[in-house]
Amino acid sequence: MSSLPHQEAALQQLAAVPGVVGSLVFDAQGEVVASVFPPVFDGAGLRTLSGRLSADAYFQDWLAGESASLELRYADGDVLVRSLDGSWLLVLCTAQANPQLLSMSLTQVVRRLRIQAPARTGEFPLPGATPAQAPSTLERMRAVATAELGEHAAQALEILAAAGPKPKDLRAAARDVEKLTRLFISKTKADEINHKMREILGG
């Protein structure tokens, strides 16, 4: 298995979400492209699972397309599958995982897996940029998240790192950071971050 750095980074982001046990990406041939699972999970078993799923015509038909998804619920946990345009992301989580946080994290990770990794994690350099150039929009958003959330900023920074460079992508990431803050910190802090992000993005 030869995974790319941005794939491993995306799965590591997912592994940090409470309740996520492990995740992997596999292609249409059943090959495991990237995997982040605890050592207790047998690699051969995961490859066998991926091979059986990819060989199932019903599975491929059901999970064809850009936004296809599958959720299998069990007494002690859930298996989630998301389409990645010719490959799939499979996530194993416990029954205690927070559905809202998990859904938001999955959205960001899927987006991150679909885009090519930037030259340096979390940065999107502009053509002709120099060290003396003013901070980019993304860098200013990251600074706000760090200043406002302090020790709780890690998940927000991962969301911003996964965002694409286009204004619509940055606005979507800002909304996700605001939702995350509202859900796990406070409405007041979420409103403050939303206001500052909107100023950076031009309203």
C-alpha atoms as a PDB file:
ATOM      1  CA  MET A   1       0.000   0.000   0.000  1.00  0.00           C
ATOM      2  CA  SER A   2       1.458   3.351  -1.042  1.00  0.00           C
ATOM      3  CA  SER A   3      -0.599   6.254   0.244  1.00  0.00           C
ATOM      4  CA  LEU A   4      -0.038   9.928  -0.480  1.00  0.00           C
ATOM      5  CA  PRO A   5       0.780  12.327   2.388  1.00  0.00           C
ATOM      6  CA  HIS A   6      -2.498  14.244   2.079  1.00  0.00           C
ATOM      7  CA  GLN A   7      -4.462  10.986   2.266  1.00  0.00           C
ATOM      8  CA  GLU A   8      -2.725   9.929   5.459  1.00  0.00           C
ATOM      9  CA  ALA A   9      -3.180  13.431   6.905  1.00  0.00           C
ATOM     10  CA  ALA A  10      -6.901  13.382   6.105  1.00  0.00           C
ATOM     11  CA  LEU A  11      -7.397   9.991   7.755  1.00  0.00           C
ATOM     12  CA  GLN A  12      -5.389  11.117  10.775  1.00  0.00           C
ATOM     13  CA  GLN A  13      -7.746  14.105  11.025  1.00  0.00           C
ATOM     14  CA  LEU A  14     -10.664  11.688  11.083  1.00  0.00           C
ATOM     15  CA  ALA A  15      -8.955   9.484  13.681  1.00  0.00           C
ATOM     16  CA  ALA A  16      -8.892  12.460  16.071  1.00  0.00           C
ATOM     17  CA  VAL A  17     -12.709  12.658  16.108  1.00  0.00           C
ATOM     18  CA  PRO A  18     -14.106  11.095  19.318  1.00  0.00           C
ATOM     19  CA  GLY A  19     -15.709   7.734  18.583  1.00  0.00           C
ATOM     20  CA  VAL A  20     -13.846   7.037  15.330  1.00  0.00           C
ATOM     21  CA  VAL A  21     -12.030   3.709  15.570  1.00  0.00           C
ATOM     22  CA  GLY A  22     -10.327   3.758  12.176  1.00  0.00           C
ATOM     23  CA  SER A  23     -10.750   4.503   8.472  1.00  0.00           C
ATOM     24  CA  LEU A  24      -9.406   3.494   5.099  1.00  0.00           C
ATOM     25  CA  VAL A  25      -9.636   4.394   1.410  1.00  0.00           C
ATOM     26  CA  PHE A  26      -9.929   1.621  -1.170  1.00  0.00           C
ATOM     27  CA  ASP A  27     -10.255   1.673  -4.948  1.00  0.00           C
ATOM     28  CA  ALA A  28     -12.421  -0.153  -7.499  1.00  0.00           C
ATOM     29  CA  GLN A  29      -9.939  -3.047  -7.618  1.00  0.00           C
ATOM     30  CA  GLY A  30     -10.211  -3.556  -3.863  1.00  0.00           C
ATOM     31  CA  GLU A  31      -6.727  -2.206  -3.146  1.00  0.00           C
ATOM     32  CA  VAL A  32      -6.362  -0.328   0.141  1.00  0.00           C
ATOM     33  CA  VAL A  33      -4.966   3.064  -0.861  1.00  0.00           C
ATOM     34  CA  ALA A  34      -4.581   4.492   2.651  1.00  0.00           C
ATOM     35  CA  SER A  35      -5.455   3.215   6.103  1.00  0.00           C
ATOM     36  CA  VAL A  36      -5.398   4.495   9.688  1.00  0.00           C
ATOM     37  CA  PHE A  37      -6.481   1.719  12.055  1.00  0.00           C
ATOM     38  CA  PRO A  38      -5.172   0.620  15.462  1.00  0.00           C
ATOM     39  CA  PRO A  39      -2.564  -2.194  15.317  1.00  0.00           C
ATOM     40  CA  VAL A  40      -5.114  -4.656  16.725  1.00  0.00           C
ATOM     41  CA  PHE A  41      -6.855  -4.656  13.324  1.00  0.00           C
ATOM     42  CA  ASP A  42      -5.380  -7.171  10.904  1.00  0.00           C
ATOM     43  CA  GLY A  43      -4.240  -5.553   7.655  1.00  0.00           C
ATOM     44  CA  ALA A  44      -5.015  -8.672   5.651  1.00  0.00           C
ATOM     45  CA  GLY A  45      -8.553  -8.685   7.013  1.00  0.00           C
ATOM     46  CA  LEU A  46      -9.073  -5.053   6.003  1.00  0.00           C
ATOM     47  CA  ARG A  47      -7.785  -5.828   2.504  1.00  0.00           C
ATOM     48  CA  THR A  48     -10.149  -8.793   2.267  1.00  0.00           C
ATOM     49  CA  LEU A  49     -13.074  -6.606   3.294  1.00  0.00           C
ATOM     50  CA  SER A  50     -12.161  -3.965   0.696  1.00  0.00           C
ATOM     51  CA  GLY A  51     -11.791  -6.619  -1.997  1.00  0.00           C
ATOM     52  CA  ARG A  52     -15.190  -8.135  -1.272  1.00  0.00           C
ATOM     53  CA  LEU A  53     -16.954  -4.778  -1.252  1.00  0.00           C
ATOM     54  CA  SER A  54     -15.375  -3.576  -4.500  1.00  0.00           C
ATOM     55  CA  ALA A  55     -16.175  -6.894  -6.203  1.00  0.00           C
ATOM     56  CA  ASP A  56     -19.858  -6.608  -5.313  1.00  0.00           C
ATOM     57  CA  ALA A  57     -21.788  -5.180  -8.277  1.00  0.00           C
ATOM     58  CA  TYR A  58     -24.605  -4.004  -6.011  1.00  0.00           C
ATOM     59  CA  PHE A  59     -22.113  -2.106  -3.859  1.00  0.00           C
ATOM     60  CA  GLN A  60     -20.536  -0.378  -6.853  1.00  0.00           C
ATOM     61  CA  ASP A  61     -23.945   0.522  -8.311  1.00  0.00           C
ATOM     62  CA  TRP A  62     -25.292   1.769  -4.986  1.00  0.00           C
ATOM     63  CA  LEU A  63     -22.226   3.882  -4.239  1.00  0.00           C
ATOM     64  CA  ALA A  64     -21.616   5.285  -7.697  1.00  0.00           C
ATOM     65  CA  GLY A  65     -21.535   9.051  -8.099  1.00  0.00           C
ATOM     66  CA  GLU A  66     -19.962  11.926  -6.250  1.00  0.00           C
ATOM     67  CA  SER A  67     -22.245  12.148  -3.198  1.00  0.00           C
ATOM     68  CA  ALA A  68     -23.189   8.487  -2.653  1.00  0.00           C
ATOM     69  CA  SER A  69     -23.073   7.197   0.918  1.00  0.00           C
ATOM     70  CA  LEU A  70     -23.889   4.103   2.945  1.00  0.00           C
ATOM     71  CA  GLU A  71     -24.394   3.660   6.696  1.00  0.00           C
ATOM     72  CA  LEU A  72     -24.541   0.285   8.418  1.00  0.00           C
ATOM     73  CA  ARG A  73     -25.644   0.469  12.058  1.00  0.00           C
ATOM     74  CA  TYR A  74     -24.866  -2.231  14.607  1.00  0.00           C
ATOM     75  CA  ALA A  75     -25.412  -2.562  18.358  1.00  0.00           C
ATOM     76  CA  ASP A  76     -21.839  -1.610  19.238  1.00  0.00           C
ATOM     77  CA  GLY A  77     -20.939   0.705  16.365  1.00  0.00           C
ATOM     78  CA  ASP A  78     -21.455   1.953  12.824  1.00  0.00           C
ATOM     79  CA  VAL A  79     -19.738   1.521   9.462  1.00  0.00           C
ATOM     80  CA  LEU A  80     -19.902   4.547   7.165  1.00  0.00           C
ATOM     81  CA  VAL A  81     -18.909   4.571   3.491  1.00  0.00           C
ATOM     82  CA  ARG A  82     -18.540   7.657   1.278  1.00  0.00           C
ATOM     83  CA  SER A  83     -17.881   7.789  -2.466  1.00  0.00           C
ATOM     84  CA  LEU A  84     -14.641   9.424  -3.653  1.00  0.00           C
ATOM     85  CA  ASP A  85     -15.072   9.371  -7.439  1.00  0.00           C
ATOM     86  CA  GLY A  86     -13.826   5.874  -8.258  1.00  0.00           C
ATOM     87  CA  SER A  87     -12.741   4.916  -4.759  1.00  0.00           C
ATOM     88  CA  TRP A  88     -14.392   4.881  -1.342  1.00  0.00           C
ATOM     89  CA  LEU A  89     -13.787   6.011   2.225  1.00  0.00           C
ATOM     90  CA  LEU A  90     -14.799   3.474   4.882  1.00  0.00           C
ATOM     91  CA  VAL A  91     -15.054   4.574   8.515  1.00  0.00           C
ATOM     92  CA  LEU A  92     -15.600   2.412  11.594  1.00  0.00           C
ATOM     93  CA  CYS A  93     -16.895   4.208  14.686  1.00  0.00           C
ATOM     94  CA  THR A  94     -18.419   3.358  18.041  1.00  0.00           C
ATOM     95  CA  ALA A  95     -22.082   3.843  18.891  1.00  0.00           C
ATOM     96  CA  GLN A  96     -21.033   6.738  21.172  1.00  0.00           C
ATOM     97  CA  ALA A  97     -19.724   8.905  18.295  1.00  0.00           C
ATOM     98  CA  ASN A  98     -21.444  12.296  18.068  1.00  0.00           C
ATOM     99  CA  PRO A  99     -23.446  12.215  14.802  1.00  0.00           C
ATOM    100  CA  GLN A 100     -23.193  15.975  14.156  1.00  0.00           C
ATOM    101  CA  LEU A 101     -19.446  16.203  14.733  1.00  0.00           C
ATOM    102  CA  LEU A 102     -18.875  13.029  12.734  1.00  0.00           C
ATOM    103  CA  SER A 103     -20.936  14.306   9.812  1.00  0.00           C
ATOM    104  CA  MET A 104     -19.072  17.632   9.739  1.00  0.00           C
ATOM    105  CA  SER A 105     -15.704  15.885   9.968  1.00  0.00           C
ATOM    106  CA  LEU A 106     -16.610  13.443   7.192  1.00  0.00           C
ATOM    107  CA  THR A 107     -17.615  16.316   4.915  1.00  0.00           C
ATOM    108  CA  GLN A 108     -14.256  17.994   5.443  1.00  0.00           C
ATOM    109  CA  VAL A 109     -12.213  14.800   5.087  1.00  0.00           C
ATOM    110  CA  VAL A 110     -13.999  13.768   1.887  1.00  0.00           C
ATOM    111  CA  ARG A 111     -13.342  17.243   0.464  1.00  0.00           C
ATOM    112  CA  ARG A 112      -9.707  16.979   1.518  1.00  0.00           C
ATOM    113  CA  LEU A 113      -9.282  13.569  -0.088  1.00  0.00           C
ATOM    114  CA  ARG A 114     -10.727  14.839  -3.379  1.00  0.00           C
ATOM    115  CA  ILE A 115      -8.316  17.730  -3.788  1.00  0.00           C
ATOM    116  CA  GLN A 116      -4.606  17.489  -4.413  1.00  0.00           C
ATOM    117  CA  ALA A 117      -2.442  18.217  -1.422  1.00  0.00           C
ATOM    118  CA  PRO A 118      -0.929  21.731  -1.422  1.00  0.00           C
ATOM    119  CA  ALA A 119       2.837  22.105  -1.471  1.00  0.00           C
ATOM    120  CA  ARG A 120       2.824  22.620   2.305  1.00  0.00           C
ATOM    121  CA  THR A 121       0.039  21.480   4.608  1.00  0.00           C
ATOM    122  CA  GLY A 122      -2.618  24.100   5.140  1.00  0.00           C
ATOM    123  CA  GLU A 123      -1.160  26.652   2.711  1.00  0.00           C
ATOM    124  CA  PHE A 124      -2.295  27.768  -0.717  1.00  0.00           C
ATOM    125  CA  PRO A 125       0.452  30.038  -2.076  1.00  0.00           C
ATOM    126  CA  LEU A 126      -0.512  32.606  -4.649  1.00  0.00           C
ATOM    127  CA  PRO A 127       1.495  33.015  -7.880  1.00  0.00           C
ATOM    128  CA  GLY A 128       4.346  35.457  -7.326  1.00  0.00           C
ATOM    129  CA  ALA A 129       3.960  35.379  -3.550  1.00  0.00           C
ATOM    130  CA  THR A 130       6.977  36.504  -1.523  1.00  0.00           C
ATOM    131  CA  PRO A 131       7.763  36.244   2.188  1.00  0.00           C
ATOM    132  CA  ALA A 132       6.987  39.947   2.578  1.00  0.00           C
ATOM    133  CA  GLN A 133       3.530  39.643   1.033  1.00  0.00           C
ATOM    134  CA  ALA A 134       0.479  40.275   3.207  1.00  0.00           C
ATOM    135  CA  PRO A 135      -1.098  37.166   4.816  1.00  0.00           C
ATOM    136  CA  SER A 136      -3.535  35.306   2.596  1.00  0.00           C
ATOM    137  CA  THR A 137      -7.237  35.051   3.394  1.00  0.00           C
ATOM    138  CA  LEU A 138      -6.745  31.504   4.654  1.00  0.00           C
ATOM    139  CA  GLU A 139      -3.837  32.516   6.884  1.00  0.00           C
ATOM    140  CA  ARG A 140      -5.941  35.304   8.411  1.00  0.00           C
ATOM    141  CA  MET A 141      -8.794  32.857   9.040  1.00  0.00           C
ATOM    142  CA  ARG A 142      -6.384  30.432  10.702  1.00  0.00           C
ATOM    143  CA  ALA A 143      -5.077  33.251  12.899  1.00  0.00           C
ATOM    144  CA  VAL A 144      -8.629  34.079  14.028  1.00  0.00           C
ATOM    145  CA  ALA A 145      -9.367  30.444  14.870  1.00  0.00           C
ATOM    146  CA  THR A 146      -6.132  30.121  16.848  1.00  0.00           C
ATOM    147  CA  ALA A 147      -6.643  33.385  18.752  1.00  0.00           C
ATOM    148  CA  GLU A 148     -10.315  32.791  19.546  1.00  0.00           C
ATOM    149  CA  LEU A 149     -10.268  29.066  20.312  1.00  0.00           C
ATOM    150  CA  GLY A 150      -6.826  28.623  21.881  1.00  0.00           C
ATOM    151  CA  GLU A 151      -6.309  25.009  22.979  1.00  0.00           C
ATOM    152  CA  HIS A 152      -9.593  24.040  21.277  1.00  0.00           C
ATOM    153  CA  ALA A 153      -8.469  25.275  17.843  1.00  0.00           C
ATOM    154  CA  ALA A 154      -7.114  21.991  16.450  1.00  0.00           C
ATOM    155  CA  GLN A 155     -10.342  20.773  14.819  1.00  0.00           C
ATOM    156  CA  ALA A 156     -11.109  24.235  13.407  1.00  0.00           C
ATOM    157  CA  LEU A 157      -7.621  24.434  11.888  1.00  0.00           C
ATOM    158  CA  GLU A 158      -8.105  21.006  10.306  1.00  0.00           C
ATOM    159  CA  ILE A 159     -11.362  22.222   8.756  1.00  0.00           C
ATOM    160  CA  LEU A 160      -9.612  25.270   7.310  1.00  0.00           C
ATOM    161  CA  ALA A 161      -6.659  23.174   6.095  1.00  0.00           C
ATOM    162  CA  ALA A 162      -9.066  20.933   4.185  1.00  0.00           C
ATOM    163  CA  ALA A 163     -10.789  23.844   2.445  1.00  0.00           C
ATOM    164  CA  GLY A 164     -10.048  24.648  -1.168  1.00  0.00           C
ATOM    165  CA  PRO A 165      -8.640  28.060  -2.143  1.00  0.00           C
ATOM    166  CA  LYS A 166     -11.829  29.322  -3.826  1.00  0.00           C
ATOM    167  CA  PRO A 167     -13.954  31.900  -1.934  1.00  0.00           C
ATOM    168  CA  LYS A 168     -16.959  29.536  -1.851  1.00  0.00           C
ATOM    169  CA  ASP A 169     -14.777  26.816  -0.264  1.00  0.00           C
ATOM    170  CA  LEU A 170     -13.469  29.228   2.362  1.00  0.00           C
ATOM    171  CA  ARG A 171     -17.004  30.426   3.155  1.00  0.00           C
ATOM    172  CA  ALA A 172     -18.138  26.819   3.578  1.00  0.00           C
ATOM    173  CA  ALA A 173     -15.196  26.158   5.906  1.00  0.00           C
ATOM    174  CA  ALA A 174     -15.991  29.298   7.919  1.00  0.00           C
ATOM    175  CA  ARG A 175     -19.577  28.103   8.381  1.00  0.00           C
ATOM    176  CA  ASP A 176     -18.317  24.715   9.570  1.00  0.00           C
ATOM    177  CA  VAL A 177     -15.969  26.352  12.079  1.00  0.00           C
ATOM    178  CA  GLU A 178     -18.854  28.475  13.349  1.00  0.00           C
ATOM    179  CA  LYS A 179     -21.088  25.389  13.708  1.00  0.00           C
ATOM    180  CA  LEU A 180     -18.335  23.480  15.484  1.00  0.00           C
ATOM    181  CA  THR A 181     -17.796  26.362  17.916  1.00  0.00           C
ATOM    182  CA  ARG A 182     -21.520  26.755  18.564  1.00  0.00           C
ATOM    183  CA  LEU A 183     -21.915  23.025  19.174  1.00  0.00           C
ATOM    184  CA  PHE A 184     -18.952  22.433  21.467  1.00  0.00           C
ATOM    185  CA  ILE A 185     -18.008  25.794  23.013  1.00  0.00           C
ATOM    186  CA  SER A 186     -20.673  28.525  23.107  1.00  0.00           C
ATOM    187  CA  LYS A 187     -23.083  30.544  20.997  1.00  0.00           C
ATOM    188  CA  THR A 188     -21.332  33.770  21.996  1.00  0.00           C
ATOM    189  CA  LYS A 189     -17.924  32.557  20.858  1.00  0.00           C
ATOM    190  CA  ALA A 190     -19.451  31.178  17.648  1.00  0.00           C
ATOM    191  CA  ASP A 191     -21.003  34.583  16.891  1.00  0.00           C
ATOM    192  CA  GLU A 192     -17.658  36.294  17.484  1.00  0.00           C
ATOM    193  CA  ILE A 193     -15.806  33.948  15.143  1.00  0.00           C
ATOM    194  CA  ASN A 194     -18.553  34.199  12.519  1.00  0.00           C
ATOM    195  CA  HIS A 195     -18.312  38.006  12.595  1.00  0.00           C
ATOM    196  CA  LYS A 196     -14.527  38.030  12.223  1.00  0.00           C
ATOM    197  CA  MET A 197     -14.517  35.405   9.477  1.00  0.00           C
ATOM    198  CA  ARG A 198     -17.166  37.352   7.537  1.00  0.00           C
ATOM    199  CA  GLU A 199     -15.022  40.499   7.776  1.00  0.00           C
ATOM    200  CA  ILE A 200     -12.031  38.625   6.345  1.00  0.00           C
ATOM    201  CA  LEU A 201     -14.152  37.123   3.539  1.00  0.00           C
ATOM    202  CA  GLY A 202     -15.705  40.467   2.689  1.00  0.00           C
ATOM    203  CA  GLY A 203     -19.116  39.991   4.270  1.00  0.00           C
END
